[in-house]
Amino acid sequence: MGRVSRTFKLKLSPAGVELFVDCHCRLGHLVNELLPSGNTLYCALLYLEHVDTRIIADDLKTLKESGLGGDRVCFVGAPLSMVDVISRIAERLGQGGQTRGPTALGSRLFIVALKRFRLAPSDAIIKAYDAMLSEAGDYLKIGKTLRSRRTELSSIGQ
């Protein structure tokens, strides 16, 4: 079996770090679990997949002014399959969102995803979390409670 996870780089301002921590804390509260930080980023991207592309494009255009990006380099480990989510979002955005190449788009999408995730309704966050368990559950370090939830979700989906 090859590599199943990787480290993703986020360049955040102090406000961006606070955004990430807020999202991570909220997700942990909603699912009542202590989670790896990569789960938060993964869920945020899964949520972003359902956000109107015009909103995403606007957020990308105004990202610099948001004050969330910065010089603080943060590394987050997540399943490698998160790259597929980034690709799906990039495909939805088309050429307009890819002004500086796929890697630059990915790092910018992380911040936009977190920004939108912070504003998401609780039920949408739970839905993104369940989608993450379905999509990447085999590659996540999760406890018995979540494993049973994942099994439950799998049986509902069939």
Protein backbone atom coordinates (compact mmCIF):
# COMPACT_ATOMS: atom_id res chain seq x y z
CA MET A 1 0.00 0.00 0.00
CA GLY A 2 1.36 3.42 -0.97
CA ARG A 3 1.16 6.66 0.87
CA VAL A 4 -2.36 7.42 2.14
CA SER A 5 -1.78 10.81 3.72
CA ARG A 6 0.30 13.87 3.19
CA THR A 7 1.03 17.23 4.74
CA PHE A 8 -0.72 20.29 3.36
CA LYS A 9 0.73 23.78 3.81
CA LEU A 10 -1.37 26.75 4.83
CA LYS A 11 0.01 30.29 4.93
CA LEU A 12 -2.10 32.14 7.47
CA SER A 13 -2.20 35.43 9.30
CA PRO A 14 -2.93 35.43 13.04
CA ALA A 15 -6.60 35.96 12.07
CA GLY A 16 -6.33 32.97 9.70
CA VAL A 17 -4.97 30.78 12.50
CA GLU A 18 -7.86 31.91 14.69
CA LEU A 19 -10.28 31.05 11.86
CA PHE A 20 -8.82 27.54 11.62
CA VAL A 21 -8.99 27.02 15.39
CA ASP A 22 -12.60 28.29 15.48
CA CYS A 23 -13.61 25.85 12.73
CA HIS A 24 -11.75 22.97 14.37
CA CYS A 25 -13.31 23.65 17.75
CA ARG A 26 -16.81 23.93 16.29
CA LEU A 27 -16.47 20.66 14.37
CA GLY A 28 -15.16 18.89 17.46
CA HIS A 29 -18.10 20.17 19.49
CA LEU A 30 -20.65 19.15 16.87
CA VAL A 31 -19.36 15.59 16.56
CA ASN A 32 -18.32 15.38 20.23
CA GLU A 33 -14.85 14.05 19.42
CA LEU A 34 -11.22 15.13 19.62
CA LEU A 35 -10.16 15.26 15.99
CA PRO A 36 -6.95 15.65 14.02
CA SER A 37 -6.75 19.11 12.48
CA GLY A 38 -6.66 17.59 8.98
CA ASN A 39 -10.24 16.41 9.46
CA THR A 40 -11.34 20.03 9.80
CA LEU A 41 -9.64 21.06 6.58
CA TYR A 42 -11.04 18.03 4.75
CA CYS A 43 -14.59 18.74 5.99
CA ALA A 44 -14.27 22.42 5.09
CA LEU A 45 -13.33 21.48 1.52
CA LEU A 46 -16.19 18.99 1.28
CA TYR A 47 -18.53 21.73 2.43
CA LEU A 48 -17.03 24.14 -0.12
CA GLU A 49 -17.93 21.69 -2.89
CA HIS A 50 -21.57 22.66 -2.32
CA VAL A 51 -21.02 26.43 -2.25
CA ASP A 52 -21.99 28.41 -5.34
CA THR A 53 -18.93 28.86 -7.59
CA ARG A 54 -19.64 32.58 -7.91
CA ILE A 55 -19.21 32.95 -4.15
CA ILE A 56 -16.01 30.91 -4.21
CA ALA A 57 -14.63 32.96 -7.12
CA ASP A 58 -15.48 36.19 -5.31
CA ASP A 59 -13.79 34.94 -2.13
CA LEU A 60 -10.69 34.05 -4.14
CA LYS A 61 -10.61 37.53 -5.70
CA THR A 62 -10.93 39.25 -2.33
CA LEU A 63 -8.77 36.82 -0.35
CA LYS A 64 -5.90 39.27 0.05
CA GLU A 65 -8.21 41.89 1.55
CA SER A 66 -9.75 39.36 3.96
CA GLY A 67 -6.65 39.44 6.15
CA LEU A 68 -6.73 35.65 6.60
CA GLY A 69 -3.69 34.75 4.51
CA GLY A 70 -0.25 35.61 5.80
CA ASP A 71 3.31 34.59 6.52
CA ARG A 72 2.66 32.05 9.27
CA VAL A 73 3.27 28.64 7.73
CA CYS A 74 1.09 25.90 9.23
CA PHE A 75 1.22 22.24 8.25
CA VAL A 76 -1.83 20.00 8.42
CA GLY A 77 -1.80 16.25 7.80
CA ALA A 78 -4.78 14.80 5.96
CA PRO A 79 -5.67 11.85 3.76
CA LEU A 80 -4.21 12.09 0.28
CA SER A 81 -7.74 11.79 -1.12
CA MET A 82 -8.25 15.43 -0.08
CA VAL A 83 -6.38 16.28 -3.30
CA ASP A 84 -9.36 14.81 -5.19
CA VAL A 85 -11.71 17.22 -3.41
CA ILE A 86 -9.47 20.15 -4.35
CA SER A 87 -9.45 18.94 -7.97
CA ARG A 88 -13.24 18.67 -8.06
CA ILE A 89 -13.60 22.23 -6.75
CA ALA A 90 -11.00 23.52 -9.23
CA GLU A 91 -12.85 21.78 -12.05
CA ARG A 92 -16.10 23.46 -11.00
CA LEU A 93 -14.35 26.84 -10.96
CA GLY A 94 -12.88 26.34 -14.43
CA GLN A 95 -10.02 28.47 -15.74
CA GLY A 96 -11.17 31.58 -13.87
CA GLY A 97 -10.10 30.23 -10.50
CA GLN A 98 -6.70 28.97 -11.65
CA THR A 99 -4.79 32.19 -12.14
CA ARG A 100 -1.58 30.97 -10.48
CA GLY A 101 -1.59 27.20 -10.97
CA PRO A 102 -3.11 24.27 -9.09
CA THR A 103 -0.86 24.38 -6.01
CA ALA A 104 -1.48 28.07 -5.42
CA LEU A 105 -5.19 27.54 -5.99
CA GLY A 106 -5.23 24.71 -3.44
CA SER A 107 -3.63 26.78 -0.71
CA ARG A 108 -6.01 29.67 -1.42
CA LEU A 109 -8.99 27.29 -1.47
CA PHE A 110 -8.03 26.10 2.03
CA ILE A 111 -8.62 29.59 3.41
CA VAL A 112 -11.81 30.13 1.42
CA ALA A 113 -13.10 26.73 2.58
CA LEU A 114 -12.42 27.60 6.22
CA LYS A 115 -14.02 31.02 5.81
CA ARG A 116 -17.19 29.44 4.40
CA PHE A 117 -17.10 26.55 6.90
CA ARG A 118 -17.17 29.00 9.81
CA LEU A 119 -20.45 30.41 8.45
CA ALA A 120 -22.00 27.03 7.61
CA PRO A 121 -25.13 25.79 9.34
CA SER A 122 -24.48 23.01 11.86
CA ASP A 123 -26.38 20.41 9.83
CA ALA A 124 -24.23 21.17 6.77
CA ILE A 125 -21.09 20.68 8.86
CA ILE A 126 -22.35 17.31 10.09
CA LYS A 127 -23.18 16.37 6.51
CA ALA A 128 -19.64 17.30 5.40
CA TYR A 129 -18.24 15.28 8.30
CA ASP A 130 -20.30 12.24 7.34
CA ALA A 131 -19.14 12.66 3.74
CA MET A 132 -15.53 12.72 4.94
CA LEU A 133 -16.08 9.49 6.91
CA SER A 134 -17.57 7.87 3.80
CA GLU A 135 -14.92 9.16 1.42
CA ALA A 136 -11.75 8.85 3.50
CA GLY A 137 -12.74 6.76 6.52
CA ASP A 138 -10.32 3.95 5.73
CA TYR A 139 -7.43 6.42 5.92
CA LEU A 140 -8.50 8.32 9.04
CA LYS A 141 -7.36 7.64 12.56
CA ILE A 142 -10.72 7.44 14.25
CA GLY A 143 -11.98 5.78 17.40
CA LYS A 144 -14.58 3.05 17.91
CA THR A 145 -17.48 5.50 18.15
CA LEU A 146 -16.69 7.00 14.76
CA ARG A 147 -15.95 3.62 13.21
CA SER A 148 -19.44 2.47 14.20
CA ARG A 149 -20.92 5.71 12.80
CA ARG A 150 -19.01 5.13 9.56
CA THR A 151 -20.34 1.55 9.37
CA GLU A 152 -23.83 2.90 10.03
CA LEU A 153 -23.43 5.49 7.24
CA SER A 154 -22.15 2.84 4.83
CA SER A 155 -25.17 0.62 5.42
CA ILE A 156 -27.57 3.55 4.90
CA GLY A 157 -25.87 4.44 1.61
CA GLN A 158 -26.40 0.95 0.17
